[in-house]
Amino acid sequence: MSSLSITLSLIQKPTLFGLSCFFVTFGLTGCILNIFLFSQKQFRTTSCCKYFFFASIAMLFNLLMYSIPAIYGYFYANPITYNVPFCKCRAYVIHVMSIIFRFLLCAASFDRFALSSSNARLRQMSNVKFAYPVIALIIIILPLIHIYMLVFYNIKSNNCYNSLDTIGITIANIYSLCNTSILPLTLMTIFSVGIRKNLAEKQKRRQDVLNPSARIDQTKQIQLKRDQQVLKMLFSQIIAFVIVTLPYMIYSTNNIVSPYIQNKSSDQIAIENFIAGISGGFSYVFPAISFYLYTLTSSMFRKELWRMLRSTFCWSQNHRIEPIITTTNRTHQTNL
């Protein structure tokens, strides 16, 4: 093993351990709070929040399956280096969950696009009844499509890897790149541009139709404000997703070409492994920060979070065990 390989290994291991600790401490906490918040009454009636709710569950499993083995492997032998069934299951769950939450965010983008559209039929797709079948299709179909991972993943030289031949790995890498990066980014960008365009057209129509003194009834005003808040939350997710995904997308593109490069030096292999580990670790930053993005961009989300925490604290205060003072004790104390 070259000196460069040893140096990069010494940098990579504590870096990934630190990231994993961050994911467990802040990421898992954030995902759990997301799940509780999006199950509240205020969010249950908004179809986009249904996608956020199930995406948060997928993010939670995604972070769990990456972080816990990484933390355990820092102190002991990592199970993915010797346990074949665990290697297969971990690779499968991580990949499937990452694709599920990406496509749920794409569905949320389409939901807001449909809601902002002037087409009545398209607007009908932006409701909770339509959201449930879409979520069910994503959750059922995507795991079935990627079931091949349970067959072809194996352990070699203490690494959990895809055991297909070179052509098979290339096809799998291209397919993975499209599913995890290119397709979600393309769909989110298209729907985001469409939303901005629809909102601009809607604003223009309002200015043409309504006079300055026209008033919107209170119910519509509350719903409009809620939709604007959800839209802010969605845009913050899309921007963060683009920023976090681009480095891993670049690495994945290089990963497609890499198997065909012959006569690699040990230093070159070490550098590629280092980049693979670090870029892979940082790709989990997005699910780890989703809760904090919601909190920063939405006042409605912050108010609901505060209300939930306050009600939980008040409940615990009201249910404390108090000492019982009997009448006999009180009489005895009075006589004294």
Protein backbone atom coordinates (compact mmCIF):
# COMPACT_ATOMS: atom_id res chain seq x y z
CA MET A 1 0.00 0.00 0.00
CA SER A 2 1.45 3.38 -1.07
CA SER A 3 1.92 6.31 1.30
CA LEU A 4 -0.77 8.28 -0.56
CA SER A 5 -3.26 5.45 -0.10
CA ILE A 6 -2.52 5.33 3.65
CA THR A 7 -2.85 9.12 3.97
CA LEU A 8 -6.18 9.23 2.12
CA SER A 9 -7.49 6.33 4.21
CA LEU A 10 -6.55 8.18 7.40
CA ILE A 11 -8.45 11.25 6.15
CA GLN A 12 -11.48 9.36 4.80
CA LYS A 13 -12.31 7.23 7.83
CA PRO A 14 -12.67 10.04 10.43
CA THR A 15 -14.39 12.28 7.86
CA LEU A 16 -17.08 9.70 7.12
CA PHE A 17 -17.37 8.94 10.85
CA GLY A 18 -17.93 12.64 11.56
CA LEU A 19 -20.53 12.88 8.78
CA SER A 20 -22.31 9.78 10.10
CA CYS A 21 -22.43 11.23 13.62
CA PHE A 22 -23.89 14.45 12.17
CA PHE A 23 -26.49 12.43 10.24
CA VAL A 24 -27.51 10.48 13.35
CA THR A 25 -27.58 13.51 15.66
CA PHE A 26 -29.23 16.08 13.41
CA GLY A 27 -30.46 14.20 10.34
CA LEU A 28 -32.46 11.47 12.09
CA THR A 29 -33.87 14.00 14.58
CA GLY A 30 -34.92 16.26 11.72
CA CYS A 31 -36.56 13.42 9.77
CA ILE A 32 -38.50 12.29 12.85
CA LEU A 33 -39.71 15.85 13.49
CA ASN A 34 -40.70 16.12 9.81
CA ILE A 35 -42.78 12.95 10.11
CA PHE A 36 -44.56 14.21 13.23
CA LEU A 37 -45.14 17.70 11.80
CA PHE A 38 -46.46 16.60 8.40
CA SER A 39 -48.91 14.29 10.18
CA GLN A 40 -50.47 17.30 11.95
CA LYS A 41 -53.97 18.46 10.97
CA GLN A 42 -52.75 21.68 9.37
CA PHE A 43 -50.62 19.78 6.84
CA ARG A 44 -52.80 16.71 6.27
CA THR A 45 -55.14 18.57 3.91
CA THR A 46 -52.31 19.73 1.62
CA SER A 47 -51.40 17.16 -1.03
CA CYS A 48 -47.81 18.39 -1.40
CA CYS A 49 -47.23 17.76 2.30
CA LYS A 50 -48.26 14.12 1.80
CA TYR A 51 -45.29 13.72 -0.55
CA PHE A 52 -43.05 15.46 2.01
CA PHE A 53 -44.33 13.12 4.74
CA PHE A 54 -43.48 9.90 2.89
CA ALA A 55 -40.23 11.39 1.54
CA SER A 56 -39.19 12.06 5.16
CA ILE A 57 -39.80 8.39 6.03
CA ALA A 58 -37.62 7.30 3.09
CA MET A 59 -34.91 9.79 4.14
CA LEU A 60 -35.01 8.40 7.68
CA PHE A 61 -34.33 4.82 6.50
CA ASN A 62 -31.72 6.11 4.04
CA LEU A 63 -29.76 7.85 6.80
CA LEU A 64 -30.16 4.93 9.21
CA MET A 65 -28.79 2.34 6.80
CA TYR A 66 -25.80 4.52 5.89
CA SER A 67 -24.86 6.02 9.27
CA ILE A 68 -25.23 3.21 11.81
CA PRO A 69 -22.92 0.71 10.00
CA ALA A 70 -20.42 3.52 9.31
CA ILE A 71 -20.27 4.47 13.01
CA TYR A 72 -20.04 0.82 14.08
CA GLY A 73 -17.32 0.21 11.47
CA TYR A 74 -15.20 3.02 12.92
CA PHE A 75 -14.70 1.03 16.14
CA TYR A 76 -15.21 -2.56 14.96
CA ALA A 77 -15.14 -4.56 11.74
CA ASN A 78 -17.89 -3.21 9.46
CA PRO A 79 -20.47 -5.95 8.65
CA ILE A 80 -20.55 -4.91 4.99
CA THR A 81 -16.96 -6.21 4.66
CA TYR A 82 -17.77 -9.80 5.68
CA ASN A 83 -21.56 -10.32 5.94
CA VAL A 84 -22.92 -10.97 2.43
CA PRO A 85 -26.68 -10.80 3.29
CA PHE A 86 -26.13 -7.51 5.13
CA CYS A 87 -24.08 -6.18 2.21
CA LYS A 88 -26.91 -6.98 -0.21
CA CYS A 89 -29.72 -5.62 2.00
CA ARG A 90 -27.88 -2.42 2.91
CA ALA A 91 -27.00 -1.59 -0.70
CA TYR A 92 -30.56 -2.35 -1.79
CA VAL A 93 -32.31 -0.34 0.95
CA ILE A 94 -30.01 2.69 0.61
CA HIS A 95 -30.39 2.82 -3.18
CA VAL A 96 -34.16 2.23 -3.19
CA MET A 97 -34.87 4.75 -0.42
CA SER A 98 -32.73 7.42 -2.10
CA ILE A 99 -34.65 6.98 -5.35
CA ILE A 100 -38.02 6.90 -3.58
CA PHE A 101 -37.55 10.24 -1.82
CA ARG A 102 -36.19 11.81 -5.01
CA PHE A 103 -39.24 10.78 -7.03
CA LEU A 104 -41.58 11.83 -4.21
CA LEU A 105 -40.03 15.30 -4.40
CA CYS A 106 -40.56 15.21 -8.17
CA ALA A 107 -44.21 14.32 -7.50
CA ALA A 108 -44.44 17.23 -5.04
CA SER A 109 -43.05 19.53 -7.75
CA PHE A 110 -45.69 18.30 -10.20
CA ASP A 111 -48.36 18.77 -7.52
CA ARG A 112 -47.50 22.47 -7.13
CA PHE A 113 -47.24 22.83 -10.91
CA ALA A 114 -50.72 21.35 -11.33
CA LEU A 115 -52.14 23.58 -8.58
CA SER A 116 -50.76 26.73 -10.21
CA SER A 117 -52.01 25.74 -13.69
CA SER A 118 -54.95 27.45 -15.42
CA ASN A 119 -56.06 24.03 -16.72
CA ALA A 120 -58.96 22.78 -14.57
CA ARG A 121 -58.23 19.08 -15.23
CA LEU A 122 -54.61 19.54 -14.25
CA ARG A 123 -55.60 21.34 -11.04
CA GLN A 124 -57.75 18.35 -10.08
CA MET A 125 -54.54 16.29 -9.81
CA SER A 126 -53.38 18.52 -6.96
CA ASN A 127 -55.35 16.89 -4.15
CA VAL A 128 -54.83 14.31 -1.43
CA LYS A 129 -56.96 11.65 -3.18
CA PHE A 130 -54.72 11.80 -6.25
CA ALA A 131 -51.54 11.90 -4.12
CA TYR A 132 -52.14 8.54 -2.40
CA PRO A 133 -52.15 6.40 -5.60
CA VAL A 134 -49.04 8.21 -6.88
CA ILE A 135 -47.23 7.58 -3.59
CA ALA A 136 -48.33 3.91 -3.64
CA LEU A 137 -47.01 3.44 -7.19
CA ILE A 138 -43.65 4.97 -6.31
CA ILE A 139 -43.29 2.90 -3.13
CA ILE A 140 -44.29 -0.38 -4.84
CA ILE A 141 -42.75 -0.13 -8.32
CA LEU A 142 -39.30 1.30 -7.52
CA PRO A 143 -38.30 -1.46 -5.04
CA LEU A 144 -39.42 -4.09 -7.57
CA ILE A 145 -37.37 -2.53 -10.38
CA HIS A 146 -34.18 -2.61 -8.27
CA ILE A 147 -34.61 -6.13 -6.89
CA TYR A 148 -31.62 -7.22 -9.03
CA MET A 149 -29.32 -5.62 -6.44
CA LEU A 150 -30.14 -8.37 -3.96
CA VAL A 151 -28.81 -10.90 -6.47
CA PHE A 152 -25.71 -9.26 -7.94
CA TYR A 153 -24.18 -7.47 -4.95
CA ASN A 154 -21.38 -9.38 -3.22
CA ILE A 155 -18.22 -8.93 -1.16
CA LYS A 156 -14.72 -8.91 -2.64
CA SER A 157 -11.52 -7.67 -0.98
CA ASN A 158 -13.56 -6.38 1.99
CA ASN A 159 -15.74 -4.27 -0.31
CA CYS A 160 -19.47 -4.56 -0.98
CA TYR A 161 -19.75 -4.15 -4.74
CA ASN A 162 -21.78 -4.96 -7.86
CA SER A 163 -20.49 -8.32 -9.15
CA LEU A 164 -21.74 -7.88 -12.74
CA ASP A 165 -19.24 -7.88 -15.61
CA THR A 166 -17.88 -4.63 -17.03
CA ILE A 167 -20.74 -4.10 -19.49
CA GLY A 168 -23.33 -4.94 -16.84
CA ILE A 169 -21.76 -2.51 -14.36
CA THR A 170 -21.70 0.21 -17.02
CA ILE A 171 -25.40 -0.28 -17.76
CA ALA A 172 -26.21 -0.32 -14.02
CA ASN A 173 -24.17 2.86 -13.45
CA ILE A 174 -25.87 4.70 -16.32
CA TYR A 175 -29.28 3.57 -15.06
CA SER A 176 -28.42 4.64 -11.51
CA LEU A 177 -27.11 8.02 -12.71
CA CYS A 178 -30.36 8.67 -14.58
CA ASN A 179 -32.56 7.60 -11.65
CA THR A 180 -30.72 9.37 -8.85
CA SER A 181 -29.51 12.53 -10.61
CA ILE A 182 -30.41 13.33 -14.23
CA LEU A 183 -34.12 12.44 -14.26
CA PRO A 184 -35.03 13.99 -10.85
CA LEU A 185 -33.04 17.16 -11.63
CA THR A 186 -34.67 17.45 -15.06
CA LEU A 187 -38.20 16.93 -13.73
CA MET A 188 -37.74 19.32 -10.81
CA THR A 189 -36.29 21.99 -13.11
CA ILE A 190 -39.12 21.63 -15.65
CA PHE A 191 -41.83 21.81 -12.99
CA SER A 192 -40.12 24.72 -11.20
CA VAL A 193 -39.95 26.74 -14.42
CA GLY A 194 -43.59 25.80 -15.11
CA ILE A 195 -44.65 26.93 -11.63
CA ARG A 196 -42.95 30.30 -12.00
CA LYS A 197 -44.56 30.76 -15.39
CA ASN A 198 -48.04 29.79 -14.13
CA LEU A 199 -47.76 32.09 -11.12
CA ALA A 200 -46.70 35.01 -13.31
CA GLU A 201 -49.68 34.40 -15.62
CA LYS A 202 -52.05 34.05 -12.66
CA GLN A 203 -50.80 37.31 -11.16
CA LYS A 204 -51.31 39.09 -14.47
CA ARG A 205 -54.87 37.76 -14.77
CA ARG A 206 -55.69 38.94 -11.25
CA GLN A 207 -54.43 42.44 -12.03
CA ASP A 208 -56.55 42.52 -15.19
CA VAL A 209 -59.74 41.17 -13.58
CA LEU A 210 -59.72 42.51 -10.01
CA ASN A 211 -59.88 46.17 -9.11
CA PRO A 212 -57.67 47.47 -6.29
CA SER A 213 -60.57 47.48 -3.80
CA ALA A 214 -61.51 43.85 -4.47
CA ARG A 215 -61.13 41.61 -1.46
CA ILE A 216 -60.43 37.91 -1.15
CA ASP A 217 -62.48 36.08 1.49
CA GLN A 218 -60.63 34.92 4.59
CA THR A 219 -60.71 31.18 3.80
CA LYS A 220 -59.15 31.67 0.37
CA GLN A 221 -56.59 34.04 1.83
CA ILE A 222 -55.50 31.45 4.43
CA GLN A 223 -55.30 28.73 1.77
CA LEU A 224 -53.33 31.03 -0.56
CA LYS A 225 -50.86 31.83 2.21
CA ARG A 226 -50.51 28.13 3.02
CA ASP A 227 -49.84 27.28 -0.63
CA GLN A 228 -47.19 30.00 -0.82
CA GLN A 229 -45.48 28.61 2.27
CA VAL A 230 -45.48 25.07 0.86
CA LEU A 231 -44.08 26.42 -2.41
CA LYS A 232 -41.20 28.07 -0.54
CA MET A 233 -40.48 24.77 1.20
CA LEU A 234 -40.47 22.96 -2.13
CA PHE A 235 -38.15 25.46 -3.84
CA SER A 236 -35.69 25.29 -0.92
CA GLN A 237 -35.62 21.49 -1.28
CA ILE A 238 -35.02 21.68 -5.03
CA ILE A 239 -32.17 24.21 -4.70
CA ALA A 240 -30.48 22.16 -1.96
CA PHE A 241 -30.96 18.96 -3.94
CA VAL A 242 -29.25 20.49 -7.00
CA ILE A 243 -26.29 21.79 -4.95
CA VAL A 244 -25.75 18.49 -3.09
CA THR A 245 -26.36 16.22 -6.09
CA LEU A 246 -24.09 17.89 -8.66
CA PRO A 247 -20.73 16.71 -7.17
CA TYR A 248 -21.97 13.12 -6.87
CA MET A 249 -23.43 13.37 -10.38
CA ILE A 250 -19.99 14.37 -11.74
CA TYR A 251 -18.35 11.48 -9.90
CA SER A 252 -20.99 9.02 -11.15
CA THR A 253 -20.37 10.16 -14.72
CA ASN A 254 -16.64 9.49 -14.26
CA ASN A 255 -17.49 6.14 -12.67
CA ILE A 256 -19.09 5.01 -15.94
CA VAL A 257 -15.88 5.58 -17.89
CA SER A 258 -13.45 4.43 -15.18
CA PRO A 259 -13.76 0.62 -15.69
CA TYR A 260 -12.49 0.97 -19.26
CA ILE A 261 -9.27 2.76 -18.26
CA GLN A 262 -6.43 0.25 -18.21
CA ASN A 263 -3.14 0.16 -16.27
CA LYS A 264 -4.17 2.37 -13.36
CA SER A 265 -1.50 3.11 -10.80
CA SER A 266 -2.07 2.34 -7.12
CA ASP A 267 -2.18 6.08 -6.38
CA GLN A 268 -4.86 6.63 -9.02
CA ILE A 269 -6.98 3.80 -7.59
CA ALA A 270 -6.52 5.25 -4.09
CA ILE A 271 -7.65 8.69 -5.26
CA GLU A 272 -10.71 7.24 -7.01
CA ASN A 273 -11.68 5.26 -3.91
CA PHE A 274 -11.24 8.35 -1.75
CA ILE A 275 -13.42 10.48 -4.03
CA ALA A 276 -16.02 7.72 -4.17
CA GLY A 277 -16.21 7.49 -0.37
CA ILE A 278 -16.29 11.24 0.29
CA SER A 279 -18.74 12.13 -2.50
CA GLY A 280 -20.95 9.22 -1.49
CA GLY A 281 -20.95 10.41 2.14
CA PHE A 282 -21.77 14.01 1.24
CA SER A 283 -24.68 12.87 -0.95
CA TYR A 284 -26.55 12.09 2.32
CA VAL A 285 -26.32 15.72 3.43
CA PHE A 286 -29.55 16.55 1.57
CA PRO A 287 -31.87 14.21 3.53
CA ALA A 288 -30.08 15.25 6.74
CA ILE A 289 -30.85 18.97 6.30
CA SER A 290 -34.41 18.77 4.92
CA PHE A 291 -36.01 19.60 8.28
CA TYR A 292 -33.78 22.65 8.75
CA LEU A 293 -34.59 23.89 5.25
CA TYR A 294 -38.30 23.66 6.03
CA THR A 295 -37.74 25.51 9.31
CA LEU A 296 -35.73 28.33 7.70
CA THR A 297 -38.05 28.93 4.75
CA SER A 298 -41.55 28.51 6.20
CA SER A 299 -43.04 30.53 9.06
CA MET A 300 -46.04 28.18 9.03
CA PHE A 301 -43.72 25.21 9.60
CA ARG A 302 -41.96 27.03 12.46
CA LYS A 303 -45.26 27.92 14.14
CA GLU A 304 -46.51 24.34 13.88
CA LEU A 305 -43.20 23.05 15.24
CA TRP A 306 -43.38 25.42 18.19
CA ARG A 307 -47.04 24.52 18.83
CA MET A 308 -46.21 20.79 18.80
CA LEU A 309 -43.21 21.18 21.12
CA ARG A 310 -45.17 23.42 23.47
CA SER A 311 -48.13 21.04 23.64
CA THR A 312 -45.76 18.11 24.29
CA PHE A 313 -44.01 20.03 27.08
CA CYS A 314 -47.32 21.13 28.64
CA TRP A 315 -48.61 17.54 28.52
CA SER A 316 -45.54 16.28 30.36
CA GLN A 317 -45.92 19.06 32.95
CA ASN A 318 -49.61 18.28 33.51
CA HIS A 319 -48.93 14.55 33.94
CA ARG A 320 -46.25 14.76 36.62
CA ILE A 321 -46.79 12.56 39.67
CA GLU A 322 -47.66 14.70 42.68
CA PRO A 323 -47.41 13.45 46.29
CA ILE A 324 -50.80 12.63 47.83
CA ILE A 325 -51.51 14.19 51.22
CA THR A 326 -54.24 12.34 53.07
CA THR A 327 -56.82 13.94 55.38
CA THR A 328 -55.37 12.07 58.37
CA ASN A 329 -51.95 13.56 57.73
CA ARG A 330 -53.39 17.03 57.42
CA THR A 331 -55.32 16.65 60.72
CA HIS A 332 -52.23 15.33 62.46
CA GLN A 333 -50.18 18.29 61.18
CA THR A 334 -52.89 20.73 62.41
CA ASN A 335 -52.94 19.20 65.92
CA LEU A 336 -49.21 19.57 66.11
